[in-house]
Protein backbone atom coordinates (compact mmCIF):
# COMPACT_ATOMS: atom_id res chain seq x y z
CA MET A 1 -9.01 -45.74 -57.28
CA ASN A 2 -8.68 -43.91 -60.57
CA PHE A 3 -9.87 -40.36 -61.28
CA ALA A 4 -10.50 -38.41 -64.49
CA ASP A 5 -7.87 -35.79 -63.62
CA ALA A 6 -5.71 -34.31 -60.80
CA GLU A 7 -8.45 -31.83 -59.82
CA GLU A 8 -10.99 -34.66 -59.17
CA PHE A 9 -8.24 -36.53 -57.28
CA ALA A 10 -7.60 -33.62 -54.96
CA ARG A 11 -11.31 -32.85 -54.60
CA GLU A 12 -12.48 -36.40 -53.74
CA LEU A 13 -9.70 -37.48 -51.34
CA PRO A 14 -9.55 -35.34 -48.15
CA GLY A 15 -5.95 -34.65 -47.10
CA ALA A 16 -4.57 -35.55 -50.58
CA PRO A 17 -2.03 -33.40 -52.32
CA ASP A 18 -3.48 -30.51 -54.40
CA ALA A 19 -3.87 -30.66 -58.16
CA SER A 20 -0.47 -29.25 -58.82
CA ALA A 21 1.00 -32.67 -57.86
CA GLY A 22 -0.64 -34.15 -61.01
CA LEU A 23 -1.85 -37.35 -59.25
CA THR A 24 -4.81 -39.21 -60.80
CA GLY A 25 -4.89 -42.59 -59.06
CA VAL A 26 -4.21 -44.21 -55.65
CA LEU A 27 -3.76 -47.84 -54.56
CA ASN A 28 -3.68 -48.64 -50.79
CA ILE A 29 -2.56 -52.19 -49.78
CA PRO A 30 -2.41 -53.28 -46.17
CA LEU A 31 0.92 -54.69 -44.74
CA ILE A 32 -0.13 -57.85 -42.83
CA VAL A 33 1.95 -60.05 -40.54
CA SER A 34 0.37 -63.08 -38.86
CA GLY A 35 -3.05 -61.73 -39.69
CA VAL A 36 -2.36 -58.32 -38.15
CA VAL A 37 -2.19 -55.13 -40.19
CA VAL A 38 1.05 -53.40 -39.29
CA GLY A 39 1.06 -50.71 -41.95
CA THR A 40 -0.07 -49.55 -45.39
CA LEU A 41 1.59 -49.50 -48.81
CA THR A 42 0.33 -46.55 -50.86
CA LEU A 43 0.91 -46.26 -54.62
CA ASN A 44 -0.09 -43.21 -56.67
CA SER A 45 -0.36 -42.81 -60.50
CA SER A 46 -0.33 -39.70 -62.65
CA GLY A 47 -1.29 -38.64 -66.14
CA ASP A 48 -2.95 -41.37 -68.20
CA GLN A 49 -1.72 -44.22 -65.97
CA LYS A 50 -4.53 -46.26 -64.51
CA PHE A 51 -4.56 -48.91 -61.82
CA ASP A 52 -6.21 -52.27 -62.82
CA ASP A 53 -6.59 -55.78 -61.37
CA GLU A 54 -3.07 -56.69 -62.54
CA SER A 55 -1.71 -53.58 -60.67
CA LEU A 56 -3.58 -54.71 -57.57
CA LEU A 57 -2.18 -58.21 -57.75
CA MET A 58 1.33 -56.84 -58.19
CA GLY A 59 0.89 -54.49 -55.23
CA GLU A 60 -0.27 -57.33 -52.95
CA ARG A 61 2.84 -59.41 -53.80
CA ILE A 62 5.06 -56.42 -53.06
CA ALA A 63 3.19 -55.76 -49.76
CA ALA A 64 3.61 -59.46 -48.75
CA GLN A 65 7.32 -59.38 -49.38
CA ILE A 66 8.04 -56.10 -47.41
CA SER A 67 5.55 -56.64 -44.49
CA GLY A 68 8.07 -58.54 -42.34
CA SER A 69 10.82 -56.11 -42.96
CA PHE A 70 8.53 -53.11 -42.31
CA LEU A 71 7.44 -54.72 -38.96
CA SER A 72 11.02 -55.29 -37.95
CA ALA A 73 11.99 -51.74 -38.83
CA SER A 74 8.94 -50.34 -37.09
CA LEU A 75 9.64 -52.36 -33.91
CA SER A 76 13.25 -51.34 -34.02
CA GLU A 77 12.33 -47.63 -34.39
CA SER A 78 9.72 -47.87 -31.68
CA LEU A 79 12.16 -49.60 -29.35
CA GLU A 80 14.81 -47.10 -30.11
CA LYS A 81 12.36 -44.22 -29.47
CA GLU A 82 11.09 -45.85 -26.34
CA THR A 83 14.64 -46.27 -25.10
CA ALA A 84 15.42 -42.63 -25.89
CA LEU A 85 12.28 -41.49 -24.07
CA ARG A 86 13.13 -43.63 -21.06
CA GLY A 87 16.61 -42.12 -21.02
CA THR A 88 15.02 -38.66 -21.16
CA LEU A 89 12.78 -39.57 -18.25
CA ASN A 90 15.81 -40.73 -16.25
CA ASP A 91 17.66 -37.49 -17.10
CA ILE A 92 14.63 -35.48 -16.05
CA GLY A 93 14.48 -37.44 -12.76
CA GLU A 94 18.15 -36.71 -12.05
CA VAL A 95 17.67 -32.97 -12.77
CA ILE A 96 14.59 -32.43 -10.71
CA GLY A 97 15.97 -34.56 -7.90
CA SER A 98 19.21 -32.61 -7.67
CA SER A 99 17.57 -29.52 -5.96
CA LEU A 100 14.53 -28.81 -3.75
CA ASP A 101 14.20 -25.55 -5.68
CA PHE A 102 12.41 -26.72 -8.86
CA ALA A 103 12.23 -23.23 -10.25
CA SER A 104 16.04 -22.95 -10.45
CA MET A 105 16.14 -26.29 -12.36
CA PHE A 106 13.33 -25.52 -14.74
CA PRO A 107 15.49 -24.18 -17.63
CA LYS A 108 17.60 -27.39 -17.60
CA PHE A 109 14.47 -29.52 -17.36
CA ALA A 110 13.04 -27.75 -20.45
CA GLU A 111 16.31 -28.28 -22.38
CA ILE A 112 16.21 -32.04 -21.73
CA LEU A 113 12.47 -32.25 -22.55
CA ARG A 114 13.02 -30.36 -25.83
CA GLY A 115 15.42 -33.07 -26.95
CA ALA A 116 12.66 -35.67 -26.72
CA ILE A 117 9.49 -33.92 -27.81
CA GLU A 118 8.77 -30.93 -29.95
CA PHE A 119 7.32 -27.81 -28.30
CA ASP A 120 7.52 -24.01 -28.63
CA LEU A 121 6.01 -23.17 -25.27
CA LEU A 122 6.38 -25.02 -21.92
CA VAL A 123 4.30 -23.86 -18.94
CA LEU A 124 3.98 -25.21 -15.42
CA THR A 125 0.83 -24.13 -13.78
CA ASP A 126 0.26 -24.17 -9.97
CA VAL A 127 -3.39 -24.75 -8.96
CA ASP A 128 -5.29 -24.21 -5.72
CA ILE A 129 -8.34 -26.42 -5.67
CA GLU A 130 -10.01 -24.73 -2.73
CA SER A 131 -9.92 -21.21 -4.23
CA ARG A 132 -10.37 -22.56 -7.83
CA THR A 133 -7.43 -20.49 -9.04
CA LYS A 134 -4.21 -21.05 -11.04
CA ILE A 135 -0.89 -19.27 -11.54
CA ASP A 136 1.36 -19.87 -14.61
CA PHE A 137 4.53 -19.54 -12.53
CA LEU A 138 7.11 -21.22 -14.72
CA ILE A 139 7.28 -20.49 -18.43
CA GLU A 140 9.91 -21.49 -21.04
CA GLY A 141 9.71 -20.41 -24.72
CA GLY A 142 7.32 -17.60 -24.53
CA PRO A 143 7.65 -13.80 -23.83
CA GLU A 144 7.88 -12.72 -20.27
CA GLU A 145 4.41 -12.24 -18.75
CA GLU A 146 3.21 -10.82 -15.47
CA ILE A 147 2.44 -13.64 -13.01
CA VAL A 148 -1.20 -13.24 -12.08
CA VAL A 149 -3.80 -15.24 -10.30
CA GLN A 150 -6.50 -16.58 -12.70
CA THR A 151 -9.65 -18.63 -12.31
CA LEU A 152 -9.68 -22.37 -13.24
CA GLU A 153 -13.14 -22.07 -14.79
CA ASP A 154 -13.51 -22.55 -18.55
CA SER A 155 -9.79 -23.28 -19.07
CA VAL A 156 -7.69 -26.23 -20.16
CA SER A 157 -6.09 -26.36 -16.72
CA GLY A 158 -9.57 -26.47 -15.15
CA THR A 159 -10.54 -29.42 -17.37
CA VAL A 160 -7.35 -31.30 -16.54
CA VAL A 161 -7.86 -30.79 -12.83
CA ASP A 162 -11.61 -31.44 -12.66
CA GLU A 163 -11.43 -34.61 -14.82
CA ASN A 164 -7.97 -35.61 -13.60
CA ARG A 165 -6.82 -36.56 -17.12
CA LEU A 166 -4.58 -35.52 -19.94
CA VAL A 167 -6.14 -33.04 -22.39
CA ASP A 168 -4.94 -32.77 -25.98
CA VAL A 169 -6.08 -30.06 -28.34
CA SER A 170 -5.63 -29.42 -32.07
CA LEU A 171 -6.55 -26.02 -33.41
CA GLU A 172 -7.96 -27.67 -36.57
CA THR A 173 -10.49 -29.73 -34.72
CA LEU A 174 -10.94 -27.65 -31.57
CA ARG A 175 -14.34 -26.16 -32.43
CA ASP A 176 -15.81 -29.68 -32.87
CA ASP A 177 -14.08 -31.17 -29.74
CA ILE A 178 -16.99 -32.25 -27.52
CA ARG A 179 -14.68 -33.20 -24.73
CA LEU A 180 -14.43 -29.53 -23.83
CA SER A 181 -17.25 -27.09 -22.90
CA ALA A 182 -18.19 -24.41 -25.36
CA ALA A 183 -16.66 -21.69 -23.07
CA THR A 184 -13.44 -23.70 -22.68
CA ARG A 185 -13.16 -24.19 -26.44
CA ALA A 186 -13.64 -20.53 -27.07
CA ASN A 187 -11.05 -19.49 -24.38
CA THR A 188 -8.63 -22.12 -25.65
CA GLU A 189 -8.97 -20.95 -29.25
CA ASN A 190 -8.33 -17.37 -28.37
CA SER A 191 -5.26 -18.34 -26.38
CA MET A 192 -3.85 -20.50 -29.15
CA VAL A 193 -4.48 -18.05 -31.87
CA SER A 194 -2.98 -15.14 -29.90
CA ARG A 195 0.16 -17.25 -29.40
CA ASN A 196 0.18 -18.67 -32.91
CA MET A 197 -0.06 -22.22 -31.54
CA THR A 198 -1.58 -25.19 -33.42
CA ALA A 199 -1.29 -28.16 -30.89
CA TRP A 200 -1.63 -28.26 -27.13
CA VAL A 201 -1.19 -31.05 -24.60
CA ALA A 202 -1.70 -30.68 -20.88
CA ALA A 203 -1.19 -33.33 -18.20
CA PRO A 204 -2.13 -33.25 -14.47
CA LEU A 205 0.56 -33.19 -11.75
CA ASN A 206 -0.92 -35.39 -9.07
CA ASP A 207 0.20 -35.91 -5.52
CA GLN A 208 -1.60 -38.62 -3.52
CA GLY A 209 -4.52 -38.43 -5.97
CA LYS A 210 -4.82 -34.70 -5.72
CA ALA A 211 -3.93 -32.28 -8.58
CA VAL A 212 -1.25 -29.80 -7.49
CA GLY A 213 -0.49 -28.42 -10.90
CA VAL A 214 -0.62 -28.88 -14.72
CA LEU A 215 2.17 -29.43 -17.27
CA HIS A 216 1.50 -27.75 -20.65
CA LEU A 217 3.28 -28.20 -23.98
CA LEU A 218 2.25 -26.10 -27.04
CA SER A 219 3.53 -26.30 -30.65
CA LYS A 220 3.43 -23.89 -33.56
CA SER A 221 4.29 -26.51 -36.22
CA LYS A 222 2.62 -29.77 -35.09
CA ASN A 223 -0.99 -30.45 -36.05
CA GLU A 224 -1.42 -32.60 -32.96
CA TYR A 225 0.47 -34.61 -30.39
CA ASP A 226 0.25 -38.37 -31.15
CA LEU A 227 -0.51 -41.08 -28.66
CA THR A 228 3.15 -41.92 -27.93
CA GLU A 229 3.87 -38.26 -27.25
CA ARG A 230 0.84 -37.91 -25.07
CA GLU A 231 1.86 -40.97 -22.97
CA PHE A 232 5.40 -39.60 -22.68
CA VAL A 233 4.00 -36.25 -21.43
CA ASN A 234 1.88 -38.15 -18.85
CA GLN A 235 5.04 -39.91 -17.60
CA VAL A 236 6.98 -36.65 -17.40
CA ALA A 237 4.14 -35.07 -15.44
CA SER A 238 4.12 -37.96 -12.95
CA ARG A 239 7.86 -37.32 -12.26
CA VAL A 240 7.50 -33.54 -12.07
CA ALA A 241 4.56 -33.82 -9.62
CA SER A 242 6.72 -34.97 -6.73
CA ALA A 243 9.36 -32.35 -7.44
CA VAL A 244 6.68 -29.64 -7.45
CA VAL A 245 5.36 -30.80 -4.10
CA LYS A 246 8.81 -30.97 -2.59
CA SER A 247 9.58 -27.51 -4.05
CA ARG A 248 6.37 -26.17 -2.60
CA LEU A 249 7.30 -27.51 0.83
CA HIS A 250 10.78 -26.16 0.45
CA GLU A 251 9.55 -22.74 -0.69
CA ALA A 252 6.94 -22.69 2.14
CA ALA A 253 9.68 -23.52 4.67
CA ARG A 254 11.98 -20.92 3.22
CA LYS A 255 9.22 -18.38 3.21
CA TYR A 256 8.31 -19.13 6.76
CA ALA A 257 11.90 -18.88 7.90
CA ARG A 258 12.31 -15.54 6.18
CA GLN A 259 9.01 -14.44 7.70
CA GLN A 260 10.20 -15.29 11.19
CA GLU A 261 13.49 -13.55 10.55
CA ILE A 262 11.70 -10.43 9.48
CA LEU A 263 9.40 -10.59 12.54
CA VAL A 264 12.45 -10.81 14.77
CA GLN A 265 13.97 -7.72 13.01
CA ILE A 266 10.65 -5.92 13.46
CA SER A 267 10.68 -6.67 17.19
CA ARG A 268 14.25 -5.32 17.47
CA GLU A 269 13.39 -2.20 15.45
CA ILE A 270 10.21 -1.52 17.46
CA GLY A 271 11.90 -2.38 20.71
CA SER A 272 14.74 0.04 20.10
CA SER A 273 12.63 3.18 19.51
CA LEU A 274 9.68 4.43 17.67
CA ASP A 275 10.22 8.04 18.61
CA SER A 276 12.00 8.92 15.30
CA SER A 277 10.47 8.92 11.86
CA GLU A 278 13.61 7.02 10.57
CA SER A 279 12.92 4.14 12.90
CA PHE A 280 9.26 3.84 11.87
CA ASP A 281 10.27 4.00 8.20
CA ARG A 282 12.66 1.14 8.77
CA PHE A 283 9.87 -0.77 10.40
CA SER A 284 7.58 -0.06 7.41
CA ALA A 285 10.25 -1.22 4.93
CA LEU A 286 10.49 -4.57 6.86
CA LEU A 287 6.76 -4.91 6.87
CA ALA A 288 6.71 -4.41 3.07
CA GLU A 289 8.69 -7.67 2.71
CA LEU A 290 5.87 -9.55 4.32
CA VAL A 291 2.71 -8.00 2.82
CA PRO A 292 1.97 -5.40 0.08
CA VAL A 293 1.94 -2.00 1.75
CA ASP A 294 2.16 1.69 0.66
CA ARG A 295 1.18 3.33 3.98
CA VAL A 296 1.52 2.30 7.62
CA ALA A 297 0.01 4.23 10.55
CA ILE A 298 -0.63 3.82 14.30
CA SER A 299 -3.25 5.95 15.90
CA ASN A 300 -4.57 6.59 19.41
CA VAL A 301 -8.37 6.73 19.40
CA TYR A 302 -10.48 8.51 22.04
CA VAL A 303 -13.51 6.17 21.61
CA SER A 304 -16.31 8.13 23.28
CA ASN A 305 -15.24 11.40 21.70
CA GLN A 306 -14.72 9.75 18.25
CA THR A 307 -11.37 11.51 17.73
CA ALA A 308 -7.95 10.08 16.97
CA GLU A 309 -4.38 11.22 17.12
CA THR A 310 -1.93 9.90 14.58
CA LEU A 311 1.11 8.61 16.59
CA TYR A 312 3.26 7.27 13.75
CA VAL A 313 2.83 7.23 9.98
CA SER A 314 4.92 6.27 7.01
CA SER A 315 3.56 6.45 3.45
CA ASP A 316 4.79 5.86 -0.10
CA GLU A 317 4.65 8.56 -2.84
CA SER A 318 1.74 6.65 -4.43
CA ILE A 319 -0.46 7.84 -1.55
CA HIS A 320 -1.86 11.36 -2.10
CA GLY A 321 -2.80 14.12 0.32
CA ASP A 322 -1.38 15.34 3.60
CA GLU A 323 -1.32 13.22 6.68
CA ARG A 324 -3.61 14.39 9.47
CA ALA A 325 -2.28 14.75 13.00
CA SER A 326 -5.75 14.31 14.37
CA PHE A 327 -9.11 13.46 12.78
CA ARG A 328 -12.67 12.42 13.52
CA THR A 329 -13.17 8.63 13.56
CA GLY A 330 -16.92 8.41 13.01
CA GLY A 331 -17.71 6.51 9.78
CA THR A 332 -14.11 5.36 9.37
CA PRO A 333 -12.44 1.92 9.47
CA THR A 334 -10.33 3.14 12.33
CA GLY A 335 -13.36 4.17 14.42
CA HIS A 336 -15.19 0.93 13.59
CA SER A 337 -12.20 -1.18 14.58
CA ALA A 338 -11.80 0.74 17.82
CA ASP A 339 -15.56 0.37 18.68
CA ILE A 340 -15.91 -3.39 17.98
CA GLY A 341 -12.35 -4.46 18.73
CA GLU A 342 -12.04 -6.47 15.53
CA THR A 343 -9.99 -6.38 12.31
CA VAL A 344 -11.51 -4.49 9.41
CA VAL A 345 -10.43 -5.61 5.89
CA ILE A 346 -11.02 -3.60 2.71
CA ASN A 347 -10.02 -4.93 -0.71
CA SER A 348 -11.80 -2.54 -3.07
CA PRO A 349 -13.34 0.89 -3.16
CA GLU A 350 -16.78 -0.79 -3.21
CA GLU A 351 -15.98 -2.44 0.13
CA GLY A 352 -14.65 0.82 1.52
CA SER A 353 -17.81 2.67 0.58
CA ARG A 354 -19.61 1.12 3.53
CA PHE A 355 -17.73 3.56 5.70
CA SER A 356 -19.26 7.03 4.99
CA GLU A 357 -16.05 8.97 6.01
CA TRP A 358 -13.47 6.68 4.36
CA VAL A 359 -11.07 8.83 2.37
CA GLY A 360 -9.14 5.94 0.83
CA VAL A 361 -10.12 6.49 -2.79
CA ASP A 362 -9.37 10.25 -2.63
CA ARG A 363 -5.83 9.33 -1.45
CA GLY A 364 -5.23 6.61 -3.97
CA ILE A 365 -5.86 3.77 -1.50
CA GLN A 366 -7.85 0.70 -2.69
CA SER A 367 -7.03 -1.85 0.04
CA SER A 368 -6.46 -1.67 3.81
CA VAL A 369 -6.26 -3.74 6.93
CA THR A 370 -7.15 -2.10 10.23
CA VAL A 371 -6.23 -3.97 13.47
CA PRO A 372 -7.00 -3.04 17.13
CA MET A 373 -3.82 -3.18 19.24
CA GLY A 374 -5.38 -2.93 22.72
CA ARG A 375 -7.47 -0.55 24.76
CA ASP A 376 -6.81 1.44 27.94
CA GLY A 377 -10.16 2.57 29.27
CA ASP A 378 -11.65 4.99 26.73
CA PHE A 379 -8.50 4.99 24.54
CA ALA A 380 -7.74 2.37 21.88
CA ARG A 381 -4.57 1.98 19.78
CA ILE A 382 -5.18 1.10 16.10
CA PHE A 383 -2.69 -0.35 13.57
CA GLN A 384 -3.51 0.25 9.93
CA ILE A 385 -1.78 -0.61 6.64
CA SER A 386 -2.93 0.46 3.15
CA CYS A 387 -2.12 -0.34 -0.46
CA ALA A 388 -2.74 1.49 -3.76
CA ASP A 389 -3.69 -1.89 -5.40
CA ALA A 390 -6.99 -3.64 -4.99
CA GLY A 391 -7.54 -7.13 -3.70
CA VAL A 392 -4.11 -7.68 -2.14
CA TYR A 393 -5.16 -8.68 1.43
CA GLY A 394 -6.22 -12.34 1.57
CA ALA A 395 -6.48 -14.49 4.71
CA GLU A 396 -2.72 -15.14 4.77
CA GLN A 397 -1.80 -11.42 4.58
CA VAL A 398 -4.42 -10.40 7.18
CA SER A 399 -3.06 -13.12 9.51
CA ILE A 400 0.50 -11.67 9.13
CA VAL A 401 -0.68 -8.11 9.76
CA GLU A 402 -2.58 -9.22 12.96
CA GLN A 403 0.59 -11.06 14.10
CA VAL A 404 2.74 -7.95 13.52
CA ALA A 405 0.17 -5.81 15.32
CA ASN A 406 0.11 -8.12 18.38
CA GLN A 407 3.88 -8.31 18.34
CA ILE A 408 4.41 -4.53 18.43
CA ALA A 409 1.37 -3.69 20.70
CA ALA A 410 3.29 -3.91 23.94
CA ALA A 411 6.26 -1.95 22.50
CA VAL A 412 3.94 0.82 21.30
CA ALA A 413 2.14 0.95 24.62
CA ASN A 414 5.51 1.24 26.47
CA GLN A 415 6.60 3.94 24.03
CA GLN A 416 3.40 5.81 24.80
CA LEU A 417 4.03 5.54 28.54
CA TYR A 418 7.61 6.66 27.98
CA ARG A 419 6.48 9.64 25.85
CA ARG A 420 3.87 10.53 28.52
CA SER A 421 6.49 10.38 31.27
CA ILE A 422 8.73 12.64 29.22
CA GLU A 423 5.76 15.07 28.76
CA LEU A 424 5.01 14.95 32.54
CA ALA A 425 8.71 15.58 33.32
CA GLN A 426 8.70 18.48 30.87
CA GLU A 427 5.48 19.82 32.42
CA ARG A 428 6.95 19.52 35.93
CA GLU A 429 10.12 21.27 34.71
CA ARG A 430 7.98 24.18 33.25
CA SER A 431 5.93 24.31 36.46
CA ILE A 432 9.15 24.62 38.53
CA ARG A 433 10.41 27.32 36.23
CA LEU A 434 7.11 29.15 36.39
CA GLU A 435 7.03 28.91 40.17
CA ALA A 436 10.61 30.25 40.29
CA GLU A 437 9.66 33.04 37.90
CA ALA A 438 6.59 33.87 40.00
CA ALA A 439 8.70 34.01 43.12
CA ARG A 440 11.17 36.29 41.38
CA LEU A 441 8.34 38.57 40.16
CA THR A 442 6.87 38.64 43.63
CA SER A 443 10.26 39.76 44.98
CA VAL A 444 10.62 42.35 42.33
CA ASN A 445 7.10 43.60 43.01
CA GLU A 446 7.80 43.82 46.66
CA ALA A 447 11.03 45.79 45.95
CA LYS A 448 9.02 48.03 43.67
CA ASN A 449 6.42 48.66 46.37
CA ASP A 450 9.18 49.42 48.84
CA PHE A 451 10.69 51.82 46.38
CA LEU A 452 7.30 53.53 45.76
CA ASN A 453 6.75 53.87 49.42
CA LEU A 454 10.16 55.40 49.87
CA LEU A 455 9.66 57.57 46.83
CA THR A 456 6.31 58.88 47.91
CA HIS A 457 7.67 59.58 51.41
CA GLU A 458 10.70 61.44 50.03
CA LEU A 459 8.54 63.46 47.60
CA LYS A 460 5.77 64.10 50.11
CA THR A 461 8.07 65.70 52.67
CA PRO A 462 9.33 68.68 50.59
CA LEU A 463 6.00 68.95 48.79
CA THR A 464 4.16 69.36 52.06
CA SER A 465 6.41 72.31 52.93
CA ILE A 466 5.83 73.90 49.50
CA ILE A 467 2.07 73.52 49.81
CA ALA A 468 2.17 74.92 53.41
CA PHE A 469 4.28 78.00 52.60
CA ALA A 470 2.27 78.71 49.47
CA ASP A 471 -0.97 78.65 51.59
CA LEU A 472 0.66 81.02 54.13
CA LEU A 473 1.57 83.39 51.35
CA ALA A 474 -1.93 83.19 49.88
CA ARG A 475 -3.62 83.80 53.24
CA GLY A 476 -1.28 86.27 54.99
CA GLY A 477 0.57 88.12 52.41
CA GLY A 478 -1.87 88.31 49.54
CA GLN A 479 -2.26 92.16 49.96
CA ASP A 480 1.47 92.66 49.48
CA LEU A 481 1.50 90.69 46.20
CA SER A 482 0.78 92.12 42.79
CA LYS A 483 -1.90 90.72 40.62
CA ARG A 484 0.66 88.82 38.43
CA GLN A 485 2.40 87.47 41.58
CA SER A 486 -0.92 86.30 42.92
CA GLN A 487 -1.65 84.42 39.71
CA GLN A 488 1.80 82.82 39.83
CA LEU A 489 1.21 81.77 43.39
CA GLN A 490 -2.07 80.18 42.35
CA VAL A 491 -0.16 78.25 39.73
CA ILE A 492 2.34 77.07 42.33
CA GLN A 493 -0.47 75.89 44.56
CA ARG A 494 -2.35 74.18 41.80
CA ASN A 495 0.72 72.35 40.46
CA ALA A 496 1.74 71.46 43.99
CA TRP A 497 -1.65 69.84 44.61
CA HIS A 498 -1.44 68.17 41.19
CA LEU A 499 1.94 66.76 42.13
CA ASP A 500 0.53 65.61 45.42
CA ALA A 501 -2.26 63.80 43.48
CA LEU A 502 0.31 62.15 41.29
CA ILE A 503 2.24 60.99 44.30
CA GLN A 504 -1.05 59.72 45.72
CA ASP A 505 -1.61 57.87 42.43
CA LEU A 506 1.74 56.04 42.95
CA VAL A 507 0.39 54.94 46.30
CA ASP A 508 -2.75 53.88 44.72
CA VAL A 509 -0.91 51.73 42.19
CA SER A 510 0.37 49.55 44.99
CA SER A 511 -3.14 49.38 46.45
CA ILE A 512 -4.54 48.41 43.05
CA GLU A 513 -2.02 45.57 42.66
CA ARG A 514 -2.92 44.32 46.16
CA GLY A 515 -6.65 44.66 45.30
CA ASN A 516 -7.21 47.19 48.09
CA ILE A 517 -8.72 50.02 46.04
CA GLU A 518 -12.00 50.72 44.35
CA LEU A 519 -12.46 53.17 41.54
CA GLU A 520 -15.41 55.52 41.79
CA PRO A 521 -16.31 57.70 38.75
CA ILE A 522 -17.03 61.35 39.55
CA LYS A 523 -18.01 64.36 37.53
CA THR A 524 -14.97 66.45 36.43
CA ASP A 525 -14.85 70.03 35.20
CA VAL A 526 -12.67 69.43 32.12
CA SER A 527 -12.59 73.20 31.34
CA ALA A 528 -11.11 74.00 34.74
CA LEU A 529 -8.70 70.98 34.35
CA VAL A 530 -7.39 72.16 30.97
CA THR A 531 -7.23 75.76 32.08
CA GLY A 532 -4.97 74.73 34.96
CA VAL A 533 -2.73 72.77 32.60
CA LEU A 534 -2.39 75.80 30.27
CA GLU A 535 -1.59 78.13 33.25
CA GLY A 536 1.14 75.70 34.36
CA LEU A 537 2.63 75.70 30.87
CA GLY A 538 2.37 79.47 30.58
CA PRO A 539 5.97 80.39 31.71
CA SER A 540 7.51 77.70 29.48
CA LEU A 541 5.45 78.87 26.48
CA ASN A 542 6.30 82.55 27.06
CA GLY A 543 10.03 81.79 27.15
CA ARG A 544 9.74 80.23 23.70
CA GLY A 545 7.53 82.98 22.29
CA GLN A 546 4.58 80.56 21.99
CA THR A 547 0.94 80.90 22.90
CA ALA A 548 -1.89 78.43 23.69
CA GLU A 549 -5.56 79.24 23.28
CA LEU A 550 -8.55 77.50 24.96
CA SER A 551 -12.12 77.77 23.74
CA THR A 552 -14.95 76.44 26.00
CA PRO A 553 -18.68 76.15 25.32
CA GLU A 554 -19.55 78.16 28.44
CA ASP A 555 -18.05 81.51 27.30
CA GLY A 556 -17.69 80.86 23.58
CA GLY A 557 -14.43 82.84 23.67
CA ARG A 558 -10.71 82.33 23.93
CA HIS A 559 -8.12 82.53 26.66
């Protein structure tokens, strides 16, 4: 084909060099061996040179002469490449077969694979068919990314798994690739553009006809992966599949063994003592190795009264607010679990909102598992763990929490009995001390009463004589006394009777303590009472040069 100029050449032939190359003509001649086309001889012209029939005849002669050599060279190159790829497959088999822990061998696997096929990013994706999820858990060549669970829908991995076939993608032709759904094409394009990738090949990892994962290779420089490379990736995937399955089983066994080891440690920790906060904190730390947890609590719930007492609690700094020693259980996961005797799982604030009194969001909690640990009559023990992250408690985690709750239930019940016995012993000790104190006080009181009886007797005896002689003076010798002496005698009598009344009051105190006295209010002449007090104080006031005045409503005057 001849063109007027280089611009027409570049414009009319898709994929041809641009006009700067100066090409104006092209001659394509097939290389044929035994009637089979094995290649193409391409000749280009430039400037004023033109291809004619003579040029075509000369090109056919040249093609006939080199076809055999070209085929031999191609076969030799293909054989050499196939041998190299087979050697790579053997090396890969040795590497992945050297350990049950495929993750530890993944860097070496990637190094060997890079020697056989070009890639800039290598990803091994684990898939769960039942939950329709995937995890890119082994990555070589890209930046470190957080391992997260993603959906299989509308993804290259989903297409590989659903159709159980290799998927190859070129960024150039992706938008017109009818093998992928529109949503998958859009998601794939976004992923490739964000990573600056131009070619992508993904092969299924099958075990007994079931996809267990996907092997991905992505390139920044290749336009696409050719047929030989795609077949090689499929062969690599078939070898990797068995290693991934064995690694899964190995990881599951190791995880189970570690889980059982932690459960044994929990039993020992709980069995030793839960009476100290340090012990419960150690238990919480062990539990955190099994499931995501920021807060652990055990409560004793009074079901009919809808109240609860927090027995033990340990919380991370991510949980806000003060812990409550006691709280109302109505409208809470704790109360609901105690009422129905079943596990309550919350994985989001929306799920928690069905409990009117749930305070999780206010405290920074988004997920929780609440498990009943047993019931004694109207009392139920509740085990609860909480996490600041949402969606962390799946079926596996809930099963572990229930297992832990069942495992520690008896120990917690025994600890409660032990604590109750300690409290009863302390109450009995206090009761004994109170009884002893009461006996001592009774003895002191009796001694006091004896003393008062003796005191009143000793006071009464001389006082009776004073009162008697004062009366004799007042009745028999009143005419021999001066007016002032008579007044002083009256003071003596009045104070003597007052003292007698005080002594009688001491007697009454004992009667009051024994409950043998009744008080009866009577009218009292306050003026006469105060006047008597002042007369009794007269001598003392006179000796000090002091005076006291009394004003009463009756006389309106002063004394």
